[in-house]
Amino acid sequence: MQTIQFIQVTPEQLQDAIIEGVKIQLQDLKKHFQPKTPNDYLTRAEVAEMLKINLSSVHNWTKKGILTSYQIGGKVYYKRTEIENAIVELKK
């Protein structure tokens, strides 16, 4: 184990140095911190309304693999982010 000796340092100076080091580390952490956002799930009807299409189109797009569906207890849901990412820009 390594030993460190503080010569001519008051307890208050040591405390201030520690606090300053922690503040610097927290500021660095805040710069790189990305909060996790919860997934927003939509029903088939909500997806159809969002895209202005009918339910059969939502079903067909799911079968073709254009949209990814998730099932819980017999109910089908879609992630909002995946729906938005499925919309592609047309090349002109």
C-alpha atoms as a PDB file:
ATOM      1  CA  MET A   1       0.000   0.000   0.000  1.00  0.00           C
ATOM      2  CA  GLN A   2       1.260   3.460  -0.877  1.00  0.00           C
ATOM      3  CA  THR A   3       1.498   6.115   1.838  1.00  0.00           C
ATOM      4  CA  ILE A   4       0.944   9.818   1.219  1.00  0.00           C
ATOM      5  CA  GLN A   5       1.991  12.452   3.728  1.00  0.00           C
ATOM      6  CA  PHE A   6       0.566  15.945   3.722  1.00  0.00           C
ATOM      7  CA  ILE A   7       3.048  18.413   5.088  1.00  0.00           C
ATOM      8  CA  GLN A   8       1.944  21.949   5.922  1.00  0.00           C
ATOM      9  CA  VAL A   9      -1.603  21.297   4.720  1.00  0.00           C
ATOM     10  CA  THR A  10      -4.473  22.139   7.002  1.00  0.00           C
ATOM     11  CA  PRO A  11      -7.512  19.891   7.152  1.00  0.00           C
ATOM     12  CA  GLU A  12      -9.541  22.699   5.536  1.00  0.00           C
ATOM     13  CA  GLN A  13      -7.104  22.933   2.606  1.00  0.00           C
ATOM     14  CA  LEU A  14      -7.254  19.168   2.141  1.00  0.00           C
ATOM     15  CA  GLN A  15     -11.045  19.253   2.229  1.00  0.00           C
ATOM     16  CA  ASP A  16     -11.136  22.107  -0.324  1.00  0.00           C
ATOM     17  CA  ALA A  17      -8.775  20.197  -2.639  1.00  0.00           C
ATOM     18  CA  ILE A  18     -10.939  17.069  -2.453  1.00  0.00           C
ATOM     19  CA  ILE A  19     -14.129  19.044  -3.084  1.00  0.00           C
ATOM     20  CA  GLU A  20     -12.553  20.804  -6.077  1.00  0.00           C
ATOM     21  CA  GLY A  21     -11.464  17.454  -7.550  1.00  0.00           C
ATOM     22  CA  VAL A  22     -14.945  16.020  -7.137  1.00  0.00           C
ATOM     23  CA  LYS A  23     -16.485  19.120  -8.772  1.00  0.00           C
ATOM     24  CA  ILE A  24     -14.205  18.721 -11.794  1.00  0.00           C
ATOM     25  CA  GLN A  25     -15.145  15.058 -12.131  1.00  0.00           C
ATOM     26  CA  LEU A  26     -18.872  15.868 -11.863  1.00  0.00           C
ATOM     27  CA  GLN A  27     -18.613  18.582 -14.522  1.00  0.00           C
ATOM     28  CA  ASP A  28     -16.880  16.123 -16.852  1.00  0.00           C
ATOM     29  CA  LEU A  29     -19.577  13.540 -16.171  1.00  0.00           C
ATOM     30  CA  LYS A  30     -22.342  16.076 -16.926  1.00  0.00           C
ATOM     31  CA  LYS A  31     -20.781  16.859 -20.321  1.00  0.00           C
ATOM     32  CA  HIS A  32     -20.915  13.217 -21.405  1.00  0.00           C
ATOM     33  CA  PHE A  33     -24.092  12.145 -19.612  1.00  0.00           C
ATOM     34  CA  GLN A  34     -26.937  10.990 -21.866  1.00  0.00           C
ATOM     35  CA  PRO A  35     -30.113  10.320 -19.892  1.00  0.00           C
ATOM     36  CA  LYS A  36     -31.933   7.198 -20.933  1.00  0.00           C
ATOM     37  CA  THR A  37     -35.341   7.943 -22.373  1.00  0.00           C
ATOM     38  CA  PRO A  38     -38.067   5.357 -21.927  1.00  0.00           C
ATOM     39  CA  ASN A  39     -39.524   3.666 -24.998  1.00  0.00           C
ATOM     40  CA  ASP A  40     -42.877   4.983 -26.154  1.00  0.00           C
ATOM     41  CA  TYR A  41     -45.072   2.125 -27.387  1.00  0.00           C
ATOM     42  CA  LEU A  42     -47.949   2.605 -29.813  1.00  0.00           C
ATOM     43  CA  THR A  43     -50.875   0.355 -30.654  1.00  0.00           C
ATOM     44  CA  ARG A  44     -51.704  -0.617 -34.238  1.00  0.00           C
ATOM     45  CA  ALA A  45     -54.472   1.986 -34.315  1.00  0.00           C
ATOM     46  CA  GLU A  46     -52.091   4.702 -33.088  1.00  0.00           C
ATOM     47  CA  VAL A  47     -49.534   3.751 -35.745  1.00  0.00           C
ATOM     48  CA  ALA A  48     -52.208   3.853 -38.442  1.00  0.00           C
ATOM     49  CA  GLU A  49     -53.354   7.270 -37.245  1.00  0.00           C
ATOM     50  CA  MET A  50     -49.783   8.555 -36.993  1.00  0.00           C
ATOM     51  CA  LEU A  51     -48.939   7.485 -40.552  1.00  0.00           C
ATOM     52  CA  LYS A  52     -52.407   8.314 -41.934  1.00  0.00           C
ATOM     53  CA  ILE A  53     -52.913   4.772 -43.236  1.00  0.00           C
ATOM     54  CA  ASN A  54     -55.438   2.022 -42.500  1.00  0.00           C
ATOM     55  CA  LEU A  55     -54.930  -0.958 -40.190  1.00  0.00           C
ATOM     56  CA  SER A  56     -54.481  -3.395 -43.064  1.00  0.00           C
ATOM     57  CA  SER A  57     -51.473  -1.384 -44.290  1.00  0.00           C
ATOM     58  CA  VAL A  58     -49.936  -1.545 -40.815  1.00  0.00           C
ATOM     59  CA  HIS A  59     -50.469  -5.318 -40.845  1.00  0.00           C
ATOM     60  CA  ASN A  60     -48.995  -5.699 -44.356  1.00  0.00           C
ATOM     61  CA  TRP A  61     -45.953  -3.541 -43.540  1.00  0.00           C
ATOM     62  CA  THR A  62     -45.359  -5.630 -40.427  1.00  0.00           C
ATOM     63  CA  LYS A  63     -45.528  -8.869 -42.442  1.00  0.00           C
ATOM     64  CA  LYS A  64     -43.091  -7.415 -45.028  1.00  0.00           C
ATOM     65  CA  GLY A  65     -40.646  -6.448 -42.267  1.00  0.00           C
ATOM     66  CA  ILE A  66     -40.976  -2.705 -42.834  1.00  0.00           C
ATOM     67  CA  LEU A  67     -42.316  -2.276 -39.285  1.00  0.00           C
ATOM     68  CA  THR A  68     -41.293  -4.305 -36.226  1.00  0.00           C
ATOM     69  CA  SER A  69     -44.046  -5.322 -33.833  1.00  0.00           C
ATOM     70  CA  TYR A  70     -43.901  -6.489 -30.216  1.00  0.00           C
ATOM     71  CA  GLN A  71     -46.516  -8.568 -28.471  1.00  0.00           C
ATOM     72  CA  ILE A  72     -47.550  -8.614 -24.836  1.00  0.00           C
ATOM     73  CA  GLY A  73     -50.479 -10.772 -23.764  1.00  0.00           C
ATOM     74  CA  GLY A  74     -52.095 -10.879 -27.189  1.00  0.00           C
ATOM     75  CA  LYS A  75     -51.737  -7.127 -27.791  1.00  0.00           C
ATOM     76  CA  VAL A  76     -49.464  -5.788 -30.499  1.00  0.00           C
ATOM     77  CA  TYR A  77     -47.300  -2.714 -29.972  1.00  0.00           C
ATOM     78  CA  TYR A  78     -44.753  -0.725 -31.975  1.00  0.00           C
ATOM     79  CA  LYS A  79     -41.904   1.447 -30.728  1.00  0.00           C
ATOM     80  CA  ARG A  80     -42.369   5.080 -31.739  1.00  0.00           C
ATOM     81  CA  THR A  81     -38.657   5.506 -32.510  1.00  0.00           C
ATOM     82  CA  GLU A  82     -38.695   2.491 -34.835  1.00  0.00           C
ATOM     83  CA  ILE A  83     -41.755   3.831 -36.665  1.00  0.00           C
ATOM     84  CA  GLU A  84     -40.035   7.183 -37.133  1.00  0.00           C
ATOM     85  CA  ASN A  85     -36.814   5.460 -38.290  1.00  0.00           C
ATOM     86  CA  ALA A  86     -38.766   3.354 -40.822  1.00  0.00           C
ATOM     87  CA  ILE A  87     -39.653   6.525 -42.705  1.00  0.00           C
ATOM     88  CA  VAL A  88     -36.911   7.002 -45.286  1.00  0.00           C
ATOM     89  CA  GLU A  89     -36.035  10.051 -47.357  1.00  0.00           C
ATOM     90  CA  LEU A  90     -36.733   9.777 -51.046  1.00  0.00           C
ATOM     91  CA  LYS A  91     -33.864  10.450 -53.423  1.00  0.00           C
ATOM     92  CA  LYS A  92     -34.762  13.099 -55.992  1.00  0.00           C
END
